[in-house]
C-alpha atoms as a PDB file:
ATOM      1  CA  UNK A   1      71.056  26.580  43.625  1.00  0.00           C
ATOM      2  CA  UNK A   2      68.425  26.046  46.319  1.00  0.00           C
ATOM      3  CA  UNK A   3      68.494  28.334  49.319  1.00  0.00           C
ATOM      4  CA  UNK A   4      67.763  27.160  52.752  1.00  0.00           C
ATOM      5  CA  UNK A   5      67.045  29.278  55.740  1.00  0.00           C
ATOM      6  CA  UNK A   6      68.112  28.250  59.258  1.00  0.00           C
ATOM      7  CA  UNK A   7      67.086  30.435  62.275  1.00  0.00           C
ATOM      8  CA  UNK A   8      68.595  30.718  65.692  1.00  0.00           C
ATOM      9  CA  UNK A   9      66.767  32.382  68.361  1.00  0.00           C
ATOM     10  CA  UNK A  10      68.435  33.301  71.600  1.00  0.00           C
ATOM     11  CA  UNK A  11      66.413  33.869  74.698  1.00  0.00           C
ATOM     12  CA  UNK A  12      68.183  35.502  77.596  1.00  0.00           C
ATOM     13  CA  UNK A  13      67.021  35.692  81.018  1.00  0.00           C
ATOM     14  CA  UNK A  14      68.742  37.124  84.321  1.00  0.00           C
ATOM     15  CA  UNK A  15      68.035  36.486  87.993  1.00  0.00           C
ATOM     16  CA  UNK A  16      66.849  39.310  90.153  1.00  0.00           C
ATOM     17  CA  UNK A  17      70.221  40.023  91.657  1.00  0.00           C
ATOM     18  CA  UNK A  18      71.999  40.175  88.287  1.00  0.00           C
ATOM     19  CA  UNK A  19      74.164  37.365  89.398  1.00  0.00           C
ATOM     20  CA  UNK A  20      73.360  34.666  86.947  1.00  0.00           C
ATOM     21  CA  UNK A  21      72.462  34.823  83.249  1.00  0.00           C
ATOM     22  CA  UNK A  22      70.866  32.028  81.216  1.00  0.00           C
ATOM     23  CA  UNK A  23      70.758  32.093  77.421  1.00  0.00           C
ATOM     24  CA  UNK A  24      68.906  29.534  75.521  1.00  0.00           C
ATOM     25  CA  UNK A  25      69.699  29.025  71.630  1.00  0.00           C
ATOM     26  CA  UNK A  26      67.282  27.419  69.488  1.00  0.00           C
ATOM     27  CA  UNK A  27      68.078  26.414  66.026  1.00  0.00           C
ATOM     28  CA  UNK A  28      64.952  25.838  63.608  1.00  0.00           C
ATOM     29  CA  UNK A  29      65.169  24.627  60.012  1.00  0.00           C
ATOM     30  CA  UNK A  30      62.000  24.789  57.963  1.00  0.00           C
ATOM     31  CA  UNK A  31      60.038  26.263  61.028  1.00  0.00           C
ATOM     32  CA  UNK A  32      60.992  22.949  63.187  1.00  0.00           C
ATOM     33  CA  UNK A  33      63.061  23.320  66.087  1.00  0.00           C
ATOM     34  CA  UNK A  34      66.157  21.077  65.623  1.00  0.00           C
ATOM     35  CA  UNK A  35      68.629  21.673  68.347  1.00  0.00           C
ATOM     36  CA  UNK A  36      68.536  23.742  71.626  1.00  0.00           C
ATOM     37  CA  UNK A  37      71.525  24.626  73.704  1.00  0.00           C
ATOM     38  CA  UNK A  38      72.077  26.488  76.998  1.00  0.00           C
ATOM     39  CA  UNK A  39      74.754  28.877  78.193  1.00  0.00           C
ATOM     40  CA  UNK A  40      75.169  30.113  81.758  1.00  0.00           C
ATOM     41  CA  UNK A  41      77.134  33.075  82.941  1.00  0.00           C
ATOM     42  CA  UNK A  42      77.748  33.971  86.654  1.00  0.00           C
ATOM     43  CA  UNK A  43      78.791  37.346  87.952  1.00  0.00           C
ATOM     44  CA  UNK A  44      81.497  37.453  90.697  1.00  0.00           C
ATOM     45  CA  UNK A  45      79.846  39.128  93.602  1.00  0.00           C
ATOM     46  CA  UNK A  46      82.773  41.517  93.968  1.00  0.00           C
ATOM     47  CA  UNK A  47      82.445  42.795  90.408  1.00  0.00           C
ATOM     48  CA  UNK A  48      79.953  45.493  89.502  1.00  0.00           C
ATOM     49  CA  UNK A  49      76.813  44.526  87.499  1.00  0.00           C
ATOM     50  CA  UNK A  50      77.234  44.924  83.762  1.00  0.00           C
ATOM     51  CA  UNK A  51      74.297  42.980  82.231  1.00  0.00           C
ATOM     52  CA  UNK A  52      75.517  43.041  78.799  1.00  0.00           C
ATOM     53  CA  UNK A  53      78.662  41.041  79.815  1.00  0.00           C
ATOM     54  CA  UNK A  54      76.470  38.186  81.213  1.00  0.00           C
ATOM     55  CA  UNK A  55      74.408  38.548  78.042  1.00  0.00           C
ATOM     56  CA  UNK A  56      77.563  37.959  75.831  1.00  0.00           C
ATOM     57  CA  UNK A  57      79.005  35.387  77.838  1.00  0.00           C
ATOM     58  CA  UNK A  58      75.886  33.274  78.089  1.00  0.00           C
ATOM     59  CA  UNK A  59      74.759  33.609  74.547  1.00  0.00           C
ATOM     60  CA  UNK A  60      78.310  32.996  73.301  1.00  0.00           C
ATOM     61  CA  UNK A  61      78.457  29.707  75.504  1.00  0.00           C
ATOM     62  CA  UNK A  62      74.961  28.671  74.176  1.00  0.00           C
ATOM     63  CA  UNK A  63      76.063  29.206  70.426  1.00  0.00           C
ATOM     64  CA  UNK A  64      79.414  27.281  71.090  1.00  0.00           C
ATOM     65  CA  UNK A  65      77.422  24.382  72.247  1.00  0.00           C
ATOM     66  CA  UNK A  66      74.944  24.537  69.300  1.00  0.00           C
ATOM     67  CA  UNK A  67      78.122  24.537  66.940  1.00  0.00           C
ATOM     68  CA  UNK A  68      79.343  21.440  68.791  1.00  0.00           C
ATOM     69  CA  UNK A  69      76.028  19.632  68.137  1.00  0.00           C
ATOM     70  CA  UNK A  70      76.071  20.599  64.519  1.00  0.00           C
ATOM     71  CA  UNK A  71      79.597  19.332  63.998  1.00  0.00           C
ATOM     72  CA  UNK A  72      78.670  16.189  65.918  1.00  0.00           C
ATOM     73  CA  UNK A  73      75.731  15.635  63.539  1.00  0.00           C
ATOM     74  CA  UNK A  74      77.977  16.293  60.540  1.00  0.00           C
ATOM     75  CA  UNK A  75      80.576  13.651  61.849  1.00  0.00           C
ATOM     76  CA  UNK A  76      77.878  11.109  62.507  1.00  0.00           C
ATOM     77  CA  UNK A  77      76.433  11.651  59.032  1.00  0.00           C
ATOM     78  CA  UNK A  78      79.747  11.290  57.261  1.00  0.00           C
ATOM     79  CA  UNK A  79      80.387   8.101  59.219  1.00  0.00           C
ATOM     80  CA  UNK A  80      77.305   6.549  58.195  1.00  0.00           C
ATOM     81  CA  UNK A  81      78.165   7.305  54.423  1.00  0.00           C
ATOM     82  CA  UNK A  82      81.511   5.449  55.047  1.00  0.00           C
ATOM     83  CA  UNK A  83      83.777   8.631  55.075  1.00  0.00           C
ATOM     84  CA  UNK A  84      86.282   9.683  57.512  1.00  0.00           C
ATOM     85  CA  UNK A  85      84.456  10.507  61.113  1.00  0.00           C
ATOM     86  CA  UNK A  86      86.258  13.755  61.695  1.00  0.00           C
ATOM     87  CA  UNK A  87      84.518  16.896  60.614  1.00  0.00           C
ATOM     88  CA  UNK A  88      86.036  20.297  60.841  1.00  0.00           C
END
C-alpha cells in the first residue's frame, strides 16, 4: 500500500486588543499548497480576554471550512465519474 502525507499548517494571529483572532489553515500535498481556509473569532468586549479560546474557535472554524472544501472536491470528482454526487 502506498502512503501519502498531507500536511495542514495553521497560522494564528491576534489583534493588539485581543478582540479578534484570525486563523489560516493551509493544506499541502506533496509540498504544494492545495487549499487554504480562514477562520475568525471575535471576543465580546464584556468578556475577559482568554487568548486560547479565540485561538481554538478561529482554528476550528478554519478547519471546518477546509473540510467542506475537501468534501466538495470529492463530490465533484465522484460526479465526473458518473456516480452519485453526494459524498459524506
